[in-house]
Amino acid sequence: MAIDESRQFKPINIALLTVSDTRGPDEDTSGDLLAARIEAAGHKLADRAILRDDADLITAKLNEWIENPDVDAVISTGGPG
């Protein structure tokens, strides 16, 4: 599908979640790449988190972002390999 250039671009606020038992802020290269691409596309990185692979932690963070009116979308990366 082609981009309709007659429509005005509307940036959105995106939260980014990395799921990993082994990565921290210094090693999260996939998260860094996604954050850079979000901002390069003209969107705002509303929040970013790195959580271990624990369903309760992930669910709590996603619910927090769902309830936050300043978050329009969530992108996640990582998880069990």
PDB file of N, CA and C in Angstrom:
ATOM      1  N   MET A   1       0.846  -1.168   0.000  1.00  0.00           N
ATOM      2  CA  MET A   1       0.000   0.000   0.000  1.00  0.00           C
ATOM      3  C   MET A   1       0.893   1.232   0.000  1.00  0.00           C
ATOM      4  N   ALA A   2       0.641   2.136  -0.854  1.00  0.00           N
ATOM      5  CA  ALA A   2       1.431   3.362  -0.969  1.00  0.00           C
ATOM      6  C   ALA A   2       1.042   4.359   0.119  1.00  0.00           C
ATOM      7  N   ILE A   3       1.977   5.230   0.450  1.00  0.00           N
ATOM      8  CA  ILE A   3       1.708   6.293   1.412  1.00  0.00           C
ATOM      9  C   ILE A   3       0.929   7.396   0.713  1.00  0.00           C
ATOM     10  N   ASP A   4      -0.151   7.822   1.341  1.00  0.00           N
ATOM     11  CA  ASP A   4      -0.973   8.903   0.803  1.00  0.00           C
ATOM     12  C   ASP A   4      -0.354  10.231   1.233  1.00  0.00           C
ATOM     13  N   GLU A   5       0.397  10.850   0.342  1.00  0.00           N
ATOM     14  CA  GLU A   5       1.119  12.071   0.676  1.00  0.00           C
ATOM     15  C   GLU A   5       0.212  13.290   0.813  1.00  0.00           C
ATOM     16  N   SER A   6      -1.068  13.151   0.508  1.00  0.00           N
ATOM     17  CA  SER A   6      -1.990  14.269   0.676  1.00  0.00           C
ATOM     18  C   SER A   6      -2.447  14.396   2.135  1.00  0.00           C
ATOM     19  N   ARG A   7      -2.182  13.357   2.934  1.00  0.00           N
ATOM     20  CA  ARG A   7      -2.582  13.384   4.341  1.00  0.00           C
ATOM     21  C   ARG A   7      -1.470  13.968   5.197  1.00  0.00           C
ATOM     22  N   GLN A   8      -1.849  14.748   6.187  1.00  0.00           N
ATOM     23  CA  GLN A   8      -0.903  15.365   7.095  1.00  0.00           C
ATOM     24  C   GLN A   8      -0.309  14.310   8.033  1.00  0.00           C
ATOM     25  N   PHE A   9       1.012  14.341   8.214  1.00  0.00           N
ATOM     26  CA  PHE A   9       1.691  13.441   9.138  1.00  0.00           C
ATOM     27  C   PHE A   9       1.335  13.815  10.568  1.00  0.00           C
ATOM     28  N   LYS A  10       1.001  12.820  11.366  1.00  0.00           N
ATOM     29  CA  LYS A  10       0.689  13.043  12.773  1.00  0.00           C
ATOM     30  C   LYS A  10       1.572  12.130  13.606  1.00  0.00           C
ATOM     31  N   PRO A  11       2.569  12.696  14.263  1.00  0.00           N
ATOM     32  CA  PRO A  11       3.443  11.867  15.096  1.00  0.00           C
ATOM     33  C   PRO A  11       2.676  11.285  16.275  1.00  0.00           C
ATOM     34  N   ILE A  12       3.092  10.114  16.696  1.00  0.00           N
ATOM     35  CA  ILE A  12       2.467   9.468  17.854  1.00  0.00           C
ATOM     36  C   ILE A  12       3.523   9.226  18.930  1.00  0.00           C
ATOM     37  N   ASN A  13       3.056   8.983  20.122  1.00  0.00           N
ATOM     38  CA  ASN A  13       3.911   8.693  21.275  1.00  0.00           C
ATOM     39  C   ASN A  13       4.018   7.177  21.426  1.00  0.00           C
ATOM     40  N   ILE A  14       5.242   6.670  21.340  1.00  0.00           N
ATOM     41  CA  ILE A  14       5.466   5.228  21.336  1.00  0.00           C
ATOM     42  C   ILE A  14       6.291   4.819  22.550  1.00  0.00           C
ATOM     43  N   ALA A  15       5.831   3.795  23.252  1.00  0.00           N
ATOM     44  CA  ALA A  15       6.595   3.190  24.342  1.00  0.00           C
ATOM     45  C   ALA A  15       7.310   1.959  23.779  1.00  0.00           C
ATOM     46  N   LEU A  16       8.523   1.736  24.234  1.00  0.00           N
ATOM     47  CA  LEU A  16       9.357   0.657  23.722  1.00  0.00           C
ATOM     48  C   LEU A  16       9.751  -0.285  24.849  1.00  0.00           C
ATOM     49  N   LEU A  17       9.433  -1.565  24.681  1.00  0.00           N
ATOM     50  CA  LEU A  17       9.734  -2.580  25.686  1.00  0.00           C
ATOM     51  C   LEU A  17      10.703  -3.603  25.116  1.00  0.00           C
ATOM     52  N   THR A  18      11.813  -3.805  25.812  1.00  0.00           N
ATOM     53  CA  THR A  18      12.736  -4.890  25.494  1.00  0.00           C
ATOM     54  C   THR A  18      12.564  -5.955  26.566  1.00  0.00           C
ATOM     55  N   VAL A  19      12.323  -7.194  26.140  1.00  0.00           N
ATOM     56  CA  VAL A  19      12.199  -8.324  27.060  1.00  0.00           C
ATOM     57  C   VAL A  19      13.499  -9.119  26.962  1.00  0.00           C
ATOM     58  N   SER A  20      14.235  -9.189  28.077  1.00  0.00           N
ATOM     59  CA  SER A  20      15.511  -9.904  28.061  1.00  0.00           C
ATOM     60  C   SER A  20      15.946 -10.245  29.477  1.00  0.00           C
ATOM     61  N   ASP A  21      16.470 -11.452  29.625  1.00  0.00           N
ATOM     62  CA  ASP A  21      17.050 -11.866  30.898  1.00  0.00           C
ATOM     63  C   ASP A  21      18.540 -11.537  30.967  1.00  0.00           C
ATOM     64  N   THR A  22      19.120 -11.117  29.843  1.00  0.00           N
ATOM     65  CA  THR A  22      20.564 -10.922  29.792  1.00  0.00           C
ATOM     66  C   THR A  22      20.993  -9.505  29.413  1.00  0.00           C
ATOM     67  N   ARG A  23      20.110  -8.695  28.898  1.00  0.00           N
ATOM     68  CA  ARG A  23      20.494  -7.368  28.415  1.00  0.00           C
ATOM     69  C   ARG A  23      20.104  -6.294  29.420  1.00  0.00           C
ATOM     70  N   GLY A  24      20.974  -5.291  29.486  1.00  0.00           N
ATOM     71  CA  GLY A  24      20.704  -4.098  30.268  1.00  0.00           C
ATOM     72  C   GLY A  24      20.769  -2.907  29.332  1.00  0.00           C
ATOM     73  N   PRO A  25      20.696  -1.713  29.852  1.00  0.00           N
ATOM     74  CA  PRO A  25      20.712  -0.519  28.998  1.00  0.00           C
ATOM     75  C   PRO A  25      21.940  -0.431  28.094  1.00  0.00           C
ATOM     76  N   ASP A  26      23.094  -0.902  28.566  1.00  0.00           N
ATOM     77  CA  ASP A  26      24.313  -0.801  27.762  1.00  0.00           C
ATOM     78  C   ASP A  26      24.374  -1.833  26.638  1.00  0.00           C
ATOM     79  N   GLU A  27      23.640  -2.929  26.757  1.00  0.00           N
ATOM     80  CA  GLU A  27      23.691  -3.998  25.755  1.00  0.00           C
ATOM     81  C   GLU A  27      22.441  -4.074  24.879  1.00  0.00           C
ATOM     82  N   ASP A  28      21.480  -3.219  25.097  1.00  0.00           N
ATOM     83  CA  ASP A  28      20.203  -3.307  24.371  1.00  0.00           C
ATOM     84  C   ASP A  28      20.303  -2.661  22.990  1.00  0.00           C
ATOM     85  N   THR A  29      21.063  -3.290  22.102  1.00  0.00           N
ATOM     86  CA  THR A  29      21.289  -2.710  20.777  1.00  0.00           C
ATOM     87  C   THR A  29      20.023  -2.704  19.930  1.00  0.00           C
ATOM     88  N   SER A  30      19.180  -3.732  20.059  1.00  0.00           N
ATOM     89  CA  SER A  30      17.932  -3.732  19.275  1.00  0.00           C
ATOM     90  C   SER A  30      17.001  -2.630  19.760  1.00  0.00           C
ATOM     91  N   GLY A  31      16.956  -2.411  21.067  1.00  0.00           N
ATOM     92  CA  GLY A  31      16.155  -1.314  21.602  1.00  0.00           C
ATOM     93  C   GLY A  31      16.682   0.042  21.174  1.00  0.00           C
ATOM     94  N   ASP A  32      18.011   0.182  21.166  1.00  0.00           N
ATOM     95  CA  ASP A  32      18.617   1.438  20.704  1.00  0.00           C
ATOM     96  C   ASP A  32      18.253   1.718  19.249  1.00  0.00           C
ATOM     97  N   LEU A  33      18.330   0.675  18.415  1.00  0.00           N
ATOM     98  CA  LEU A  33      17.998   0.832  16.994  1.00  0.00           C
ATOM     99  C   LEU A  33      16.535   1.227  16.813  1.00  0.00           C
ATOM    100  N   LEU A  34      15.642   0.543  17.518  1.00  0.00           N
ATOM    101  CA  LEU A  34      14.215   0.872  17.405  1.00  0.00           C
ATOM    102  C   LEU A  34      13.926   2.287  17.909  1.00  0.00           C
ATOM    103  N   ALA A  35      14.540   2.682  19.017  1.00  0.00           N
ATOM    104  CA  ALA A  35      14.335   4.033  19.549  1.00  0.00           C
ATOM    105  C   ALA A  35      14.790   5.069  18.537  1.00  0.00           C
ATOM    106  N   ALA A  36      15.941   4.835  17.923  1.00  0.00           N
ATOM    107  CA  ALA A  36      16.451   5.777  16.925  1.00  0.00           C
ATOM    108  C   ALA A  36      15.516   5.852  15.723  1.00  0.00           C
ATOM    109  N   ARG A  37      14.987   4.717  15.296  1.00  0.00           N
ATOM    110  CA  ARG A  37      14.086   4.712  14.140  1.00  0.00           C
ATOM    111  C   ARG A  37      12.744   5.357  14.451  1.00  0.00           C
ATOM    112  N   ILE A  38      12.264   5.187  15.668  1.00  0.00           N
ATOM    113  CA  ILE A  38      11.020   5.846  16.083  1.00  0.00           C
ATOM    114  C   ILE A  38      11.184   7.361  15.955  1.00  0.00           C
ATOM    115  N   GLU A  39      12.278   7.868  16.501  1.00  0.00           N
ATOM    116  CA  GLU A  39      12.503   9.311  16.482  1.00  0.00           C
ATOM    117  C   GLU A  39      12.843   9.816  15.079  1.00  0.00           C
ATOM    118  N   ALA A  40      13.588   9.031  14.309  1.00  0.00           N
ATOM    119  CA  ALA A  40      13.928   9.437  12.938  1.00  0.00           C
ATOM    120  C   ALA A  40      12.682   9.514  12.059  1.00  0.00           C
ATOM    121  N   ALA A  41      11.673   8.722  12.386  1.00  0.00           N
ATOM    122  CA  ALA A  41      10.421   8.744  11.623  1.00  0.00           C
ATOM    123  C   ALA A  41       9.530   9.905  12.036  1.00  0.00           C
ATOM    124  N   GLY A  42       9.959  10.669  13.051  1.00  0.00           N
ATOM    125  CA  GLY A  42       9.186  11.834  13.472  1.00  0.00           C
ATOM    126  C   GLY A  42       8.259  11.582  14.642  1.00  0.00           C
ATOM    127  N   HIS A  43       8.340  10.396  15.228  1.00  0.00           N
ATOM    128  CA  HIS A  43       7.496  10.076  16.382  1.00  0.00           C
ATOM    129  C   HIS A  43       8.252  10.374  17.673  1.00  0.00           C
ATOM    130  N   LYS A  44       7.551  10.296  18.810  1.00  0.00           N
ATOM    131  CA  LYS A  44       8.157  10.571  20.104  1.00  0.00           C
ATOM    132  C   LYS A  44       8.296   9.268  20.883  1.00  0.00           C
ATOM    133  N   LEU A  45       9.472   9.051  21.457  1.00  0.00           N
ATOM    134  CA  LEU A  45       9.676   7.920  22.353  1.00  0.00           C
ATOM    135  C   LEU A  45       9.107   8.323  23.713  1.00  0.00           C
ATOM    136  N   ALA A  46       7.919   7.829  24.024  1.00  0.00           N
ATOM    137  CA  ALA A  46       7.201   8.245  25.232  1.00  0.00           C
ATOM    138  C   ALA A  46       7.781   7.605  26.485  1.00  0.00           C
ATOM    139  N   ASP A  47       8.286   6.380  26.348  1.00  0.00           N
ATOM    140  CA  ASP A  47       8.853   5.670  27.486  1.00  0.00           C
ATOM    141  C   ASP A  47       9.613   4.474  26.939  1.00  0.00           C
ATOM    142  N   ARG A  48      10.517   3.951  27.752  1.00  0.00           N
ATOM    143  CA  ARG A  48      11.301   2.783  27.345  1.00  0.00           C
ATOM    144  C   ARG A  48      11.610   1.972  28.582  1.00  0.00           C
ATOM    145  N   ALA A  49      11.519   0.644  28.452  1.00  0.00           N
ATOM    146  CA  ALA A  49      11.806  -0.231  29.586  1.00  0.00           C
ATOM    147  C   ALA A  49      12.480  -1.507  29.090  1.00  0.00           C
ATOM    148  N   ILE A  50      13.305  -2.074  29.963  1.00  0.00           N
ATOM    149  CA  ILE A  50      13.897  -3.391  29.748  1.00  0.00           C
ATOM    150  C   ILE A  50      13.460  -4.244  30.926  1.00  0.00           C
ATOM    151  N   LEU A  51      12.769  -5.336  30.626  1.00  0.00           N
ATOM    152  CA  LEU A  51      12.264  -6.223  31.674  1.00  0.00           C
ATOM    153  C   LEU A  51      12.709  -7.647  31.409  1.00  0.00           C
ATOM    154  N   ARG A  52      12.945  -8.401  32.493  1.00  0.00           N
ATOM    155  CA  ARG A  52      13.250  -9.815  32.312  1.00  0.00           C
ATOM    156  C   ARG A  52      11.996 -10.553  31.845  1.00  0.00           C
ATOM    157  N   ASP A  53      12.197 -11.730  31.314  1.00  0.00           N
ATOM    158  CA  ASP A  53      11.109 -12.513  30.724  1.00  0.00           C
ATOM    159  C   ASP A  53      10.220 -13.092  31.830  1.00  0.00           C
ATOM    160  N   ASP A  54       9.365 -12.245  32.355  1.00  0.00           N
ATOM    161  CA  ASP A  54       8.461 -12.598  33.446  1.00  0.00           C
ATOM    162  C   ASP A  54       7.077 -12.058  33.089  1.00  0.00           C
ATOM    163  N   ALA A  55       6.131 -12.951  32.916  1.00  0.00           N
ATOM    164  CA  ALA A  55       4.800 -12.558  32.434  1.00  0.00           C
ATOM    165  C   ALA A  55       4.142 -11.507  33.320  1.00  0.00           C
ATOM    166  N   ASP A  56       4.303 -11.619  34.633  1.00  0.00           N
ATOM    167  CA  ASP A  56       3.662 -10.654  35.536  1.00  0.00           C
ATOM    168  C   ASP A  56       4.269  -9.260  35.384  1.00  0.00           C
ATOM    169  N   LEU A  57       5.598  -9.188  35.261  1.00  0.00           N
ATOM    170  CA  LEU A  57       6.254  -7.887  35.070  1.00  0.00           C
ATOM    171  C   LEU A  57       5.849  -7.255  33.740  1.00  0.00           C
ATOM    172  N   ILE A  58       5.851  -8.075  32.693  1.00  0.00           N
ATOM    173  CA  ILE A  58       5.496  -7.574  31.363  1.00  0.00           C
ATOM    174  C   ILE A  58       4.047  -7.097  31.340  1.00  0.00           C
ATOM    175  N   THR A  59       3.158  -7.887  31.912  1.00  0.00           N
ATOM    176  CA  THR A  59       1.739  -7.515  31.959  1.00  0.00           C
ATOM    177  C   THR A  59       1.535  -6.213  32.718  1.00  0.00           C
ATOM    178  N   ALA A  60       2.222  -6.061  33.847  1.00  0.00           N
ATOM    179  CA  ALA A  60       2.085  -4.837  34.647  1.00  0.00           C
ATOM    180  C   ALA A  60       2.556  -3.615  33.852  1.00  0.00           C
ATOM    181  N   LYS A  61       3.682  -3.743  33.144  1.00  0.00           N
ATOM    182  CA  LYS A  61       4.203  -2.608  32.372  1.00  0.00           C
ATOM    183  C   LYS A  61       3.258  -2.273  31.220  1.00  0.00           C
ATOM    184  N   LEU A  62       2.775  -3.298  30.517  1.00  0.00           N
ATOM    185  CA  LEU A  62       1.842  -3.047  29.411  1.00  0.00           C
ATOM    186  C   LEU A  62       0.561  -2.391  29.914  1.00  0.00           C
ATOM    187  N   ASN A  63       0.037  -2.852  31.032  1.00  0.00           N
ATOM    188  CA  ASN A  63      -1.166  -2.240  31.604  1.00  0.00           C
ATOM    189  C   ASN A  63      -0.912  -0.794  32.005  1.00  0.00           C
ATOM    190  N   GLU A  64       0.276  -0.512  32.541  1.00  0.00           N
ATOM    191  CA  GLU A  64       0.635   0.869  32.888  1.00  0.00           C
ATOM    192  C   GLU A  64       0.592   1.751  31.637  1.00  0.00           C
ATOM    193  N   TRP A  65       1.176   1.263  30.544  1.00  0.00           N
ATOM    194  CA  TRP A  65       1.200   2.044  29.310  1.00  0.00           C
ATOM    195  C   TRP A  65      -0.184   2.165  28.694  1.00  0.00           C
ATOM    196  N   ILE A  66      -0.993   1.113  28.784  1.00  0.00           N
ATOM    197  CA  ILE A  66      -2.359   1.173  28.250  1.00  0.00           C
ATOM    198  C   ILE A  66      -3.162   2.260  28.961  1.00  0.00           C
ATOM    199  N   GLU A  67      -2.950   2.400  30.252  1.00  0.00           N
ATOM    200  CA  GLU A  67      -3.674   3.396  31.049  1.00  0.00           C
ATOM    201  C   GLU A  67      -3.118   4.811  30.881  1.00  0.00           C
ATOM    202  N   ASN A  68      -1.936   4.938  30.315  1.00  0.00           N
ATOM    203  CA  ASN A  68      -1.286   6.237  30.189  1.00  0.00           C
ATOM    204  C   ASN A  68      -1.774   6.950  28.925  1.00  0.00           C
ATOM    205  N   PRO A  69      -2.447   8.078  29.063  1.00  0.00           N
ATOM    206  CA  PRO A  69      -2.949   8.784  27.886  1.00  0.00           C
ATOM    207  C   PRO A  69      -1.839   9.362  27.009  1.00  0.00           C
ATOM    208  N   ASP A  70      -0.603   9.391  27.521  1.00  0.00           N
ATOM    209  CA  ASP A  70       0.524   9.904  26.746  1.00  0.00           C
ATOM    210  C   ASP A  70       1.209   8.829  25.901  1.00  0.00           C
ATOM    211  N   VAL A  71       0.690   7.602  25.928  1.00  0.00           N
ATOM    212  CA  VAL A  71       1.224   6.505  25.114  1.00  0.00           C
ATOM    213  C   VAL A  71       0.165   6.100  24.104  1.00  0.00           C
ATOM    214  N   ASP A  72       0.527   6.208  22.820  1.00  0.00           N
ATOM    215  CA  ASP A  72      -0.399   5.844  21.752  1.00  0.00           C
ATOM    216  C   ASP A  72      -0.179   4.432  21.214  1.00  0.00           C
ATOM    217  N   ALA A  73       1.054   3.940  21.331  1.00  0.00           N
ATOM    218  CA  ALA A  73       1.386   2.626  20.791  1.00  0.00           C
ATOM    219  C   ALA A  73       2.548   2.047  21.575  1.00  0.00           C
ATOM    220  N   VAL A  74       2.679   0.714  21.520  1.00  0.00           N
ATOM    221  CA  VAL A  74       3.771   0.016  22.167  1.00  0.00           C
ATOM    222  C   VAL A  74       4.466  -0.875  21.141  1.00  0.00           C
ATOM    223  N   ILE A  75       5.796  -0.843  21.160  1.00  0.00           N
ATOM    224  CA  ILE A  75       6.590  -1.754  20.347  1.00  0.00           C
ATOM    225  C   ILE A  75       7.415  -2.584  21.310  1.00  0.00           C
ATOM    226  N   SER A  76       7.474  -3.901  21.073  1.00  0.00           N
ATOM    227  CA  SER A  76       8.292  -4.751  21.928  1.00  0.00           C
ATOM    228  C   SER A  76       9.301  -5.515  21.080  1.00  0.00           C
ATOM    229  N   THR A  77      10.418  -5.842  21.724  1.00  0.00           N
ATOM    230  CA  THR A  77      11.463  -6.611  21.083  1.00  0.00           C
ATOM    231  C   THR A  77      12.046  -7.559  22.117  1.00  0.00           C
ATOM    232  N   GLY A  78      12.687  -8.619  21.635  1.00  0.00           N
ATOM    233  CA  GLY A  78      13.325  -9.571  22.542  1.00  0.00           C
ATOM    234  C   GLY A  78      12.398 -10.704  22.887  1.00  0.00           C
ATOM    235  N   GLY A  79      12.661 -11.299  24.033  1.00  0.00           N
ATOM    236  CA  GLY A  79      11.884 -12.449  24.471  1.00  0.00           C
ATOM    237  C   GLY A  79      12.679 -13.721  24.321  1.00  0.00           C
ATOM    238  N   PRO A  80      12.047 -14.856  24.611  1.00  0.00           N
ATOM    239  CA  PRO A  80      12.764 -16.119  24.542  1.00  0.00           C
ATOM    240  C   PRO A  80      13.294 -16.402  23.141  1.00  0.00           C
ATOM    241  N   GLY A  81      14.530 -16.792  23.063  1.00  0.00           N
ATOM    242  CA  GLY A  81      15.157 -17.052  21.780  1.00  0.00           C
ATOM    243  C   GLY A  81      14.952 -18.438  21.345  1.00  0.00           C
TER     244      GLY A  81
END
